[in-house]
Amino acid sequence: MVEEWVVVGPHEYLLETADLEELEKKVYEALKKGKRMPLSGIWRSAPCHLWELDAVLKRLKDKGLVTEE
């Protein structure tokens, strides 16, 4: 007998997305306070998906507001 799963939709948390403008402000403020932070530390302080954080960090980097090592 083969079990078959029925997919009913994505997890609810995947439906929630962050406002990238607001997230950018939060991340920038956190970096101003903490100076150097690992990506995991930034992610723990921001309620968002990793892809959203990546997009925000790229935006800040493109603006010349952050650097990475």
C-alpha atoms as a PDB file:
ATOM      1  CA  MET A   1       0.000   0.000   0.000  1.00  0.00           C
ATOM      2  CA  VAL A   2       1.382   3.405  -0.994  1.00  0.00           C
ATOM      3  CA  GLU A   3       0.612   6.480   1.097  1.00  0.00           C
ATOM      4  CA  GLU A   4      -0.201   9.592  -0.839  1.00  0.00           C
ATOM      5  CA  TRP A   5       0.068  13.057   0.609  1.00  0.00           C
ATOM      6  CA  VAL A   6      -2.209  15.912  -0.340  1.00  0.00           C
ATOM      7  CA  VAL A   7      -0.668  19.360  -0.438  1.00  0.00           C
ATOM      8  CA  VAL A   8      -3.147  22.019   0.628  1.00  0.00           C
ATOM      9  CA  GLY A   9      -0.938  25.116   0.458  1.00  0.00           C
ATOM     10  CA  PRO A  10       2.200  26.736   1.822  1.00  0.00           C
ATOM     11  CA  HIS A  11       2.917  27.163   5.515  1.00  0.00           C
ATOM     12  CA  GLU A  12       1.335  30.352   6.825  1.00  0.00           C
ATOM     13  CA  TYR A  13       4.700  31.890   7.677  1.00  0.00           C
ATOM     14  CA  LEU A  14       5.670  31.678   4.010  1.00  0.00           C
ATOM     15  CA  LEU A  15       2.716  33.875   3.105  1.00  0.00           C
ATOM     16  CA  GLU A  16       3.921  36.676   5.369  1.00  0.00           C
ATOM     17  CA  THR A  17       6.479  38.993   3.848  1.00  0.00           C
ATOM     18  CA  ALA A  18       8.321  41.923   5.331  1.00  0.00           C
ATOM     19  CA  ASP A  19       8.100  45.470   4.043  1.00  0.00           C
ATOM     20  CA  LEU A  20      11.605  45.811   2.585  1.00  0.00           C
ATOM     21  CA  GLU A  21      11.751  49.565   3.260  1.00  0.00           C
ATOM     22  CA  GLU A  22      10.974  49.033   6.958  1.00  0.00           C
ATOM     23  CA  LEU A  23      13.275  46.024   7.157  1.00  0.00           C
ATOM     24  CA  GLU A  24      16.083  48.050   5.590  1.00  0.00           C
ATOM     25  CA  LYS A  25      15.673  50.721   8.288  1.00  0.00           C
ATOM     26  CA  LYS A  26      15.678  48.109  11.088  1.00  0.00           C
ATOM     27  CA  VAL A  27      18.759  46.349   9.734  1.00  0.00           C
ATOM     28  CA  TYR A  28      20.639  49.612   9.214  1.00  0.00           C
ATOM     29  CA  GLU A  29      19.821  50.758  12.764  1.00  0.00           C
ATOM     30  CA  ALA A  30      20.922  47.396  14.193  1.00  0.00           C
ATOM     31  CA  LEU A  31      24.197  47.606  12.280  1.00  0.00           C
ATOM     32  CA  LYS A  32      24.796  51.173  13.463  1.00  0.00           C
ATOM     33  CA  LYS A  33      24.468  49.986  17.079  1.00  0.00           C
ATOM     34  CA  GLY A  34      26.344  46.720  16.783  1.00  0.00           C
ATOM     35  CA  LYS A  35      28.913  47.768  14.200  1.00  0.00           C
ATOM     36  CA  ARG A  36      29.975  44.233  13.194  1.00  0.00           C
ATOM     37  CA  MET A  37      27.351  41.528  13.145  1.00  0.00           C
ATOM     38  CA  PRO A  38      27.271  38.074  11.588  1.00  0.00           C
ATOM     39  CA  LEU A  39      24.424  37.402   9.186  1.00  0.00           C
ATOM     40  CA  SER A  40      22.862  35.005  11.710  1.00  0.00           C
ATOM     41  CA  GLY A  41      22.814  37.777  14.333  1.00  0.00           C
ATOM     42  CA  ILE A  42      21.089  40.179  11.969  1.00  0.00           C
ATOM     43  CA  TRP A  43      18.583  37.506  10.971  1.00  0.00           C
ATOM     44  CA  ARG A  44      17.717  36.737  14.604  1.00  0.00           C
ATOM     45  CA  SER A  45      16.988  40.408  15.232  1.00  0.00           C
ATOM     46  CA  ALA A  46      14.753  40.834  12.187  1.00  0.00           C
ATOM     47  CA  PRO A  47      11.432  39.011  11.724  1.00  0.00           C
ATOM     48  CA  CYS A  48      11.857  38.079   8.068  1.00  0.00           C
ATOM     49  CA  HIS A  49      12.790  35.393   5.581  1.00  0.00           C
ATOM     50  CA  LEU A  50      16.453  34.920   4.737  1.00  0.00           C
ATOM     51  CA  TRP A  51      15.866  35.961   1.106  1.00  0.00           C
ATOM     52  CA  GLU A  52      14.357  39.243   2.346  1.00  0.00           C
ATOM     53  CA  LEU A  53      17.368  39.915   4.535  1.00  0.00           C
ATOM     54  CA  ASP A  54      19.659  39.134   1.616  1.00  0.00           C
ATOM     55  CA  ALA A  55      17.758  41.621  -0.564  1.00  0.00           C
ATOM     56  CA  VAL A  56      17.940  44.324   2.113  1.00  0.00           C
ATOM     57  CA  LEU A  57      21.660  43.813   2.677  1.00  0.00           C
ATOM     58  CA  LYS A  58      22.257  44.029  -1.072  1.00  0.00           C
ATOM     59  CA  ARG A  59      20.268  47.282  -1.218  1.00  0.00           C
ATOM     60  CA  LEU A  60      22.290  48.742   1.669  1.00  0.00           C
ATOM     61  CA  LYS A  61      25.531  47.579   0.066  1.00  0.00           C
ATOM     62  CA  ASP A  62      24.544  49.112  -3.301  1.00  0.00           C
ATOM     63  CA  LYS A  63      23.900  52.409  -1.490  1.00  0.00           C
ATOM     64  CA  GLY A  64      27.365  52.218   0.079  1.00  0.00           C
ATOM     65  CA  LEU A  65      25.932  52.020   3.612  1.00  0.00           C
ATOM     66  CA  VAL A  66      27.362  48.610   4.598  1.00  0.00           C
ATOM     67  CA  THR A  67      30.408  46.521   3.794  1.00  0.00           C
ATOM     68  CA  GLU A  68      31.089  42.873   4.416  1.00  0.00           C
ATOM     69  CA  GLU A  69      34.197  40.858   5.127  1.00  0.00           C
END
